[in-house]
Amino acid sequence: MIAGTSVKKYRPRGGKMKYPIAIELGGDDKAWGVIVPDLPGCFSAADGGFDEAIEKAIDYLKDWKRRG
């Protein structure tokens, strides 16, 4: 863990983790990044913080699976 950051536990609505994600911390001048390593080309970013980044990643995962 990086000093000065807090870790928020996130559990999807269904309660089961299906895909691990990697989160790149954002800040005032940098977006939060989310990468899904198991799904090539599946990534997302958000300027609004951790929660927005997770929600955008979930939306992208749904789209990615539909296109599958």
PDB file of N, CA and C in Angstrom:
ATOM      1  N   MET A   1       0.841  -1.166   0.000  1.00  0.00           N
ATOM      2  CA  MET A   1       0.000   0.000   0.000  1.00  0.00           C
ATOM      3  C   MET A   1       0.890   1.234   0.000  1.00  0.00           C
ATOM      4  N   ILE A   2       0.451   2.258  -0.684  1.00  0.00           N
ATOM      5  CA  ILE A   2       1.190   3.510  -0.760  1.00  0.00           C
ATOM      6  C   ILE A   2       0.850   4.357   0.458  1.00  0.00           C
ATOM      7  N   ALA A   3       1.855   4.936   1.066  1.00  0.00           N
ATOM      8  CA  ALA A   3       1.638   5.777   2.244  1.00  0.00           C
ATOM      9  C   ALA A   3       0.692   6.923   1.913  1.00  0.00           C
ATOM     10  N   GLY A   4      -0.226   7.183   2.806  1.00  0.00           N
ATOM     11  CA  GLY A   4      -1.147   8.296   2.613  1.00  0.00           C
ATOM     12  C   GLY A   4      -2.389   7.936   1.819  1.00  0.00           C
ATOM     13  N   THR A   5      -2.557   6.678   1.454  1.00  0.00           N
ATOM     14  CA  THR A   5      -3.762   6.274   0.725  1.00  0.00           C
ATOM     15  C   THR A   5      -4.579   5.343   1.591  1.00  0.00           C
ATOM     16  N   SER A   6      -5.844   5.277   1.302  1.00  0.00           N
ATOM     17  CA  SER A   6      -6.696   4.335   2.017  1.00  0.00           C
ATOM     18  C   SER A   6      -7.179   3.287   1.033  1.00  0.00           C
ATOM     19  N   VAL A   7      -7.460   2.120   1.535  1.00  0.00           N
ATOM     20  CA  VAL A   7      -7.936   1.041   0.689  1.00  0.00           C
ATOM     21  C   VAL A   7      -9.408   0.829   0.984  1.00  0.00           C
ATOM     22  N   LYS A   8     -10.209   0.814  -0.058  1.00  0.00           N
ATOM     23  CA  LYS A   8     -11.630   0.610   0.088  1.00  0.00           C
ATOM     24  C   LYS A   8     -11.953  -0.780  -0.449  1.00  0.00           C
ATOM     25  N   LYS A   9     -12.621  -1.581   0.329  1.00  0.00           N
ATOM     26  CA  LYS A   9     -12.990  -2.910  -0.147  1.00  0.00           C
ATOM     27  C   LYS A   9     -14.210  -2.776  -1.041  1.00  0.00           C
ATOM     28  N   TYR A  10     -14.153  -3.424  -2.176  1.00  0.00           N
ATOM     29  CA  TYR A  10     -15.254  -3.362  -3.119  1.00  0.00           C
ATOM     30  C   TYR A  10     -15.723  -4.771  -3.417  1.00  0.00           C
ATOM     31  N   ARG A  11     -16.981  -5.008  -3.270  1.00  0.00           N
ATOM     32  CA  ARG A  11     -17.564  -6.314  -3.563  1.00  0.00           C
ATOM     33  C   ARG A  11     -18.711  -6.078  -4.545  1.00  0.00           C
ATOM     34  N   PRO A  12     -18.669  -6.711  -5.716  1.00  0.00           N
ATOM     35  CA  PRO A  12     -19.761  -6.543  -6.688  1.00  0.00           C
ATOM     36  C   PRO A  12     -21.108  -6.924  -6.077  1.00  0.00           C
ATOM     37  N   ARG A  13     -22.168  -6.449  -6.703  1.00  0.00           N
ATOM     38  CA  ARG A  13     -23.514  -6.700  -6.191  1.00  0.00           C
ATOM     39  C   ARG A  13     -23.807  -8.188  -5.995  1.00  0.00           C
ATOM     40  N   GLY A  14     -23.297  -9.038  -6.871  1.00  0.00           N
ATOM     41  CA  GLY A  14     -23.531 -10.470  -6.756  1.00  0.00           C
ATOM     42  C   GLY A  14     -22.706 -11.130  -5.662  1.00  0.00           C
ATOM     43  N   GLY A  15     -21.695 -10.436  -5.152  1.00  0.00           N
ATOM     44  CA  GLY A  15     -20.896 -10.962  -4.081  1.00  0.00           C
ATOM     45  C   GLY A  15     -19.711 -11.814  -4.505  1.00  0.00           C
ATOM     46  N   LYS A  16     -19.554 -12.077  -5.808  1.00  0.00           N
ATOM     47  CA  LYS A  16     -18.450 -12.911  -6.272  1.00  0.00           C
ATOM     48  C   LYS A  16     -17.563 -12.114  -7.225  1.00  0.00           C
ATOM     49  N   MET A  17     -16.261 -12.268  -7.071  1.00  0.00           N
ATOM     50  CA  MET A  17     -15.339 -11.613  -7.989  1.00  0.00           C
ATOM     51  C   MET A  17     -15.175 -12.513  -9.210  1.00  0.00           C
ATOM     52  N   LYS A  18     -15.422 -11.953 -10.392  1.00  0.00           N
ATOM     53  CA  LYS A  18     -15.307 -12.730 -11.616  1.00  0.00           C
ATOM     54  C   LYS A  18     -14.004 -12.441 -12.342  1.00  0.00           C
ATOM     55  N   TYR A  19     -13.563 -11.200 -12.297  1.00  0.00           N
ATOM     56  CA  TYR A  19     -12.324 -10.800 -12.956  1.00  0.00           C
ATOM     57  C   TYR A  19     -11.525  -9.918 -12.011  1.00  0.00           C
ATOM     58  N   PRO A  20     -10.254 -10.225 -11.805  1.00  0.00           N
ATOM     59  CA  PRO A  20      -9.432  -9.304 -11.008  1.00  0.00           C
ATOM     60  C   PRO A  20      -9.167  -8.040 -11.813  1.00  0.00           C
ATOM     61  N   ILE A  21      -9.010  -6.927 -11.122  1.00  0.00           N
ATOM     62  CA  ILE A  21      -8.699  -5.669 -11.791  1.00  0.00           C
ATOM     63  C   ILE A  21      -7.474  -5.042 -11.152  1.00  0.00           C
ATOM     64  N   ALA A  22      -6.794  -4.221 -11.936  1.00  0.00           N
ATOM     65  CA  ALA A  22      -5.670  -3.432 -11.436  1.00  0.00           C
ATOM     66  C   ALA A  22      -6.101  -1.971 -11.492  1.00  0.00           C
ATOM     67  N   ILE A  23      -5.899  -1.249 -10.409  1.00  0.00           N
ATOM     68  CA  ILE A  23      -6.308   0.154 -10.341  1.00  0.00           C
ATOM     69  C   ILE A  23      -5.073   1.027 -10.213  1.00  0.00           C
ATOM     70  N   GLU A  24      -4.966   1.972 -11.139  1.00  0.00           N
ATOM     71  CA  GLU A  24      -3.887   2.958 -11.070  1.00  0.00           C
ATOM     72  C   GLU A  24      -4.441   4.197 -10.384  1.00  0.00           C
ATOM     73  N   LEU A  25      -3.799   4.582  -9.281  1.00  0.00           N
ATOM     74  CA  LEU A  25      -4.278   5.719  -8.504  1.00  0.00           C
ATOM     75  C   LEU A  25      -4.250   6.999  -9.321  1.00  0.00           C
ATOM     76  N   GLY A  26      -5.287   7.795  -9.166  1.00  0.00           N
ATOM     77  CA  GLY A  26      -5.373   9.081  -9.835  1.00  0.00           C
ATOM     78  C   GLY A  26      -5.115  10.210  -8.859  1.00  0.00           C
ATOM     79  N   GLY A  27      -5.348  11.404  -9.326  1.00  0.00           N
ATOM     80  CA  GLY A  27      -5.155  12.574  -8.479  1.00  0.00           C
ATOM     81  C   GLY A  27      -5.712  13.808  -9.165  1.00  0.00           C
ATOM     82  N   ASP A  28      -5.267  14.965  -8.731  1.00  0.00           N
ATOM     83  CA  ASP A  28      -5.769  16.220  -9.297  1.00  0.00           C
ATOM     84  C   ASP A  28      -5.431  16.368 -10.778  1.00  0.00           C
ATOM     85  N   ASP A  29      -4.280  15.846 -11.180  1.00  0.00           N
ATOM     86  CA  ASP A  29      -3.851  16.022 -12.567  1.00  0.00           C
ATOM     87  C   ASP A  29      -3.750  14.702 -13.331  1.00  0.00           C
ATOM     88  N   LYS A  30      -4.340  13.647 -12.791  1.00  0.00           N
ATOM     89  CA  LYS A  30      -4.206  12.328 -13.410  1.00  0.00           C
ATOM     90  C   LYS A  30      -5.478  11.518 -13.165  1.00  0.00           C
ATOM     91  N   ALA A  31      -5.996  10.881 -14.220  1.00  0.00           N
ATOM     92  CA  ALA A  31      -7.203  10.060 -14.096  1.00  0.00           C
ATOM     93  C   ALA A  31      -6.909   8.756 -13.371  1.00  0.00           C
ATOM     94  N   TRP A  32      -7.926   8.174 -12.777  1.00  0.00           N
ATOM     95  CA  TRP A  32      -7.847   6.837 -12.182  1.00  0.00           C
ATOM     96  C   TRP A  32      -7.966   5.844 -13.322  1.00  0.00           C
ATOM     97  N   GLY A  33      -7.089   4.868 -13.361  1.00  0.00           N
ATOM     98  CA  GLY A  33      -7.126   3.870 -14.413  1.00  0.00           C
ATOM     99  C   GLY A  33      -7.524   2.514 -13.875  1.00  0.00           C
ATOM    100  N   VAL A  34      -8.288   1.767 -14.658  1.00  0.00           N
ATOM    101  CA  VAL A  34      -8.683   0.412 -14.293  1.00  0.00           C
ATOM    102  C   VAL A  34      -8.357  -0.500 -15.463  1.00  0.00           C
ATOM    103  N   ILE A  35      -7.616  -1.574 -15.188  1.00  0.00           N
ATOM    104  CA  ILE A  35      -7.236  -2.542 -16.208  1.00  0.00           C
ATOM    105  C   ILE A  35      -7.745  -3.911 -15.780  1.00  0.00           C
ATOM    106  N   VAL A  36      -8.287  -4.659 -16.738  1.00  0.00           N
ATOM    107  CA  VAL A  36      -8.730  -6.035 -16.479  1.00  0.00           C
ATOM    108  C   VAL A  36      -7.741  -6.959 -17.189  1.00  0.00           C
ATOM    109  N   PRO A  37      -6.718  -7.448 -16.471  1.00  0.00           N
ATOM    110  CA  PRO A  37      -5.642  -8.208 -17.106  1.00  0.00           C
ATOM    111  C   PRO A  37      -6.091  -9.472 -17.845  1.00  0.00           C
ATOM    112  N   ASP A  38      -7.160 -10.104 -17.384  1.00  0.00           N
ATOM    113  CA  ASP A  38      -7.623 -11.342 -18.016  1.00  0.00           C
ATOM    114  C   ASP A  38      -8.338 -11.119 -19.347  1.00  0.00           C
ATOM    115  N   LEU A  39      -8.719  -9.884 -19.642  1.00  0.00           N
ATOM    116  CA  LEU A  39      -9.455  -9.579 -20.869  1.00  0.00           C
ATOM    117  C   LEU A  39      -8.650  -8.589 -21.701  1.00  0.00           C
ATOM    118  N   PRO A  40      -7.964  -9.055 -22.729  1.00  0.00           N
ATOM    119  CA  PRO A  40      -7.109  -8.178 -23.535  1.00  0.00           C
ATOM    120  C   PRO A  40      -7.879  -6.958 -24.084  1.00  0.00           C
ATOM    121  N   GLY A  41      -7.294  -5.800 -23.878  1.00  0.00           N
ATOM    122  CA  GLY A  41      -7.893  -4.562 -24.374  1.00  0.00           C
ATOM    123  C   GLY A  41      -9.008  -4.008 -23.518  1.00  0.00           C
ATOM    124  N   CYS A  42      -9.283  -4.606 -22.380  1.00  0.00           N
ATOM    125  CA  CYS A  42     -10.362  -4.139 -21.515  1.00  0.00           C
ATOM    126  C   CYS A  42      -9.781  -3.244 -20.424  1.00  0.00           C
ATOM    127  N   PHE A  43     -10.029  -1.942 -20.550  1.00  0.00           N
ATOM    128  CA  PHE A  43      -9.547  -0.977 -19.567  1.00  0.00           C
ATOM    129  C   PHE A  43     -10.489   0.211 -19.533  1.00  0.00           C
ATOM    130  N   SER A  44     -10.387   1.006 -18.498  1.00  0.00           N
ATOM    131  CA  SER A  44     -11.241   2.169 -18.333  1.00  0.00           C
ATOM    132  C   SER A  44     -10.495   3.212 -17.522  1.00  0.00           C
ATOM    133  N   ALA A  45     -11.011   4.433 -17.535  1.00  0.00           N
ATOM    134  CA  ALA A  45     -10.419   5.517 -16.744  1.00  0.00           C
ATOM    135  C   ALA A  45     -11.519   6.485 -16.323  1.00  0.00           C
ATOM    136  N   ALA A  46     -11.264   7.196 -15.238  1.00  0.00           N
ATOM    137  CA  ALA A  46     -12.229   8.175 -14.732  1.00  0.00           C
ATOM    138  C   ALA A  46     -11.509   9.295 -14.007  1.00  0.00           C
ATOM    139  N   ASP A  47     -12.039  10.499 -14.131  1.00  0.00           N
ATOM    140  CA  ASP A  47     -11.486  11.655 -13.432  1.00  0.00           C
ATOM    141  C   ASP A  47     -12.116  11.856 -12.058  1.00  0.00           C
ATOM    142  N   GLY A  48     -13.273  11.227 -11.821  1.00  0.00           N
ATOM    143  CA  GLY A  48     -14.047  11.487 -10.611  1.00  0.00           C
ATOM    144  C   GLY A  48     -13.702  10.661  -9.396  1.00  0.00           C
ATOM    145  N   GLY A  49     -12.672   9.850  -9.434  1.00  0.00           N
ATOM    146  CA  GLY A  49     -12.271   9.093  -8.254  1.00  0.00           C
ATOM    147  C   GLY A  49     -12.471   7.594  -8.388  1.00  0.00           C
ATOM    148  N   PHE A  50     -12.189   6.908  -7.296  1.00  0.00           N
ATOM    149  CA  PHE A  50     -12.210   5.448  -7.233  1.00  0.00           C
ATOM    150  C   PHE A  50     -13.568   4.867  -7.638  1.00  0.00           C
ATOM    151  N   ASP A  51     -14.636   5.354  -7.005  1.00  0.00           N
ATOM    152  CA  ASP A  51     -15.963   4.799  -7.265  1.00  0.00           C
ATOM    153  C   ASP A  51     -16.371   4.947  -8.723  1.00  0.00           C
ATOM    154  N   GLU A  52     -16.115   6.107  -9.311  1.00  0.00           N
ATOM    155  CA  GLU A  52     -16.445   6.319 -10.720  1.00  0.00           C
ATOM    156  C   GLU A  52     -15.623   5.392 -11.616  1.00  0.00           C
ATOM    157  N   ALA A  53     -14.367   5.200 -11.294  1.00  0.00           N
ATOM    158  CA  ALA A  53     -13.513   4.308 -12.082  1.00  0.00           C
ATOM    159  C   ALA A  53     -14.054   2.882 -12.056  1.00  0.00           C
ATOM    160  N   ILE A  54     -14.476   2.407 -10.881  1.00  0.00           N
ATOM    161  CA  ILE A  54     -15.037   1.061 -10.756  1.00  0.00           C
ATOM    162  C   ILE A  54     -16.330   0.947 -11.558  1.00  0.00           C
ATOM    163  N   GLU A  55     -17.224   1.915 -11.435  1.00  0.00           N
ATOM    164  CA  GLU A  55     -18.497   1.874 -12.166  1.00  0.00           C
ATOM    165  C   GLU A  55     -18.269   1.872 -13.675  1.00  0.00           C
ATOM    166  N   LYS A  56     -17.331   2.690 -14.147  1.00  0.00           N
ATOM    167  CA  LYS A  56     -17.028   2.705 -15.582  1.00  0.00           C
ATOM    168  C   LYS A  56     -16.447   1.361 -16.026  1.00  0.00           C
ATOM    169  N   ALA A  57     -15.614   0.755 -15.186  1.00  0.00           N
ATOM    170  CA  ALA A  57     -15.042  -0.553 -15.523  1.00  0.00           C
ATOM    171  C   ALA A  57     -16.137  -1.612 -15.609  1.00  0.00           C
ATOM    172  N   ILE A  58     -17.088  -1.585 -14.692  1.00  0.00           N
ATOM    173  CA  ILE A  58     -18.199  -2.538 -14.721  1.00  0.00           C
ATOM    174  C   ILE A  58     -19.012  -2.360 -15.997  1.00  0.00           C
ATOM    175  N   ASP A  59     -19.316  -1.116 -16.346  1.00  0.00           N
ATOM    176  CA  ASP A  59     -20.053  -0.848 -17.589  1.00  0.00           C
ATOM    177  C   ASP A  59     -19.285  -1.351 -18.800  1.00  0.00           C
ATOM    178  N   TYR A  60     -17.994  -1.102 -18.823  1.00  0.00           N
ATOM    179  CA  TYR A  60     -17.173  -1.545 -19.952  1.00  0.00           C
ATOM    180  C   TYR A  60     -17.123  -3.062 -20.022  1.00  0.00           C
ATOM    181  N   LEU A  61     -17.017  -3.735 -18.874  1.00  0.00           N
ATOM    182  CA  LEU A  61     -17.015  -5.202 -18.846  1.00  0.00           C
ATOM    183  C   LEU A  61     -18.295  -5.765 -19.444  1.00  0.00           C
ATOM    184  N   LYS A  62     -19.420  -5.164 -19.095  1.00  0.00           N
ATOM    185  CA  LYS A  62     -20.705  -5.624 -19.657  1.00  0.00           C
ATOM    186  C   LYS A  62     -20.696  -5.495 -21.171  1.00  0.00           C
ATOM    187  N   ASP A  63     -20.231  -4.354 -21.682  1.00  0.00           N
ATOM    188  CA  ASP A  63     -20.139  -4.150 -23.140  1.00  0.00           C
ATOM    189  C   ASP A  63     -19.158  -5.125 -23.769  1.00  0.00           C
ATOM    190  N   TRP A  64     -18.025  -5.329 -23.128  1.00  0.00           N
ATOM    191  CA  TRP A  64     -16.981  -6.215 -23.651  1.00  0.00           C
ATOM    192  C   TRP A  64     -17.510  -7.647 -23.775  1.00  0.00           C
ATOM    193  N   LYS A  65     -18.253  -8.096 -22.762  1.00  0.00           N
ATOM    194  CA  LYS A  65     -18.807  -9.456 -22.765  1.00  0.00           C
ATOM    195  C   LYS A  65     -19.878  -9.604 -23.850  1.00  0.00           C
ATOM    196  N   ARG A  66     -20.680  -8.558 -24.079  1.00  0.00           N
ATOM    197  CA  ARG A  66     -21.715  -8.606 -25.134  1.00  0.00           C
ATOM    198  C   ARG A  66     -21.094  -8.747 -26.507  1.00  0.00           C
ATOM    199  N   ARG A  67     -19.980  -8.036 -26.713  1.00  0.00           N
ATOM    200  CA  ARG A  67     -19.311  -8.073 -28.008  1.00  0.00           C
ATOM    201  C   ARG A  67     -18.563  -9.388 -28.216  1.00  0.00           C
ATOM    202  N   GLY A  68     -18.210 -10.046 -27.078  1.00  0.00           N
ATOM    203  CA  GLY A  68     -17.424 -11.240 -26.992  1.00  0.00           C
ATOM    204  C   GLY A  68     -17.393 -12.141 -28.114  1.00  0.00           C
TER     205      GLY A  68
END
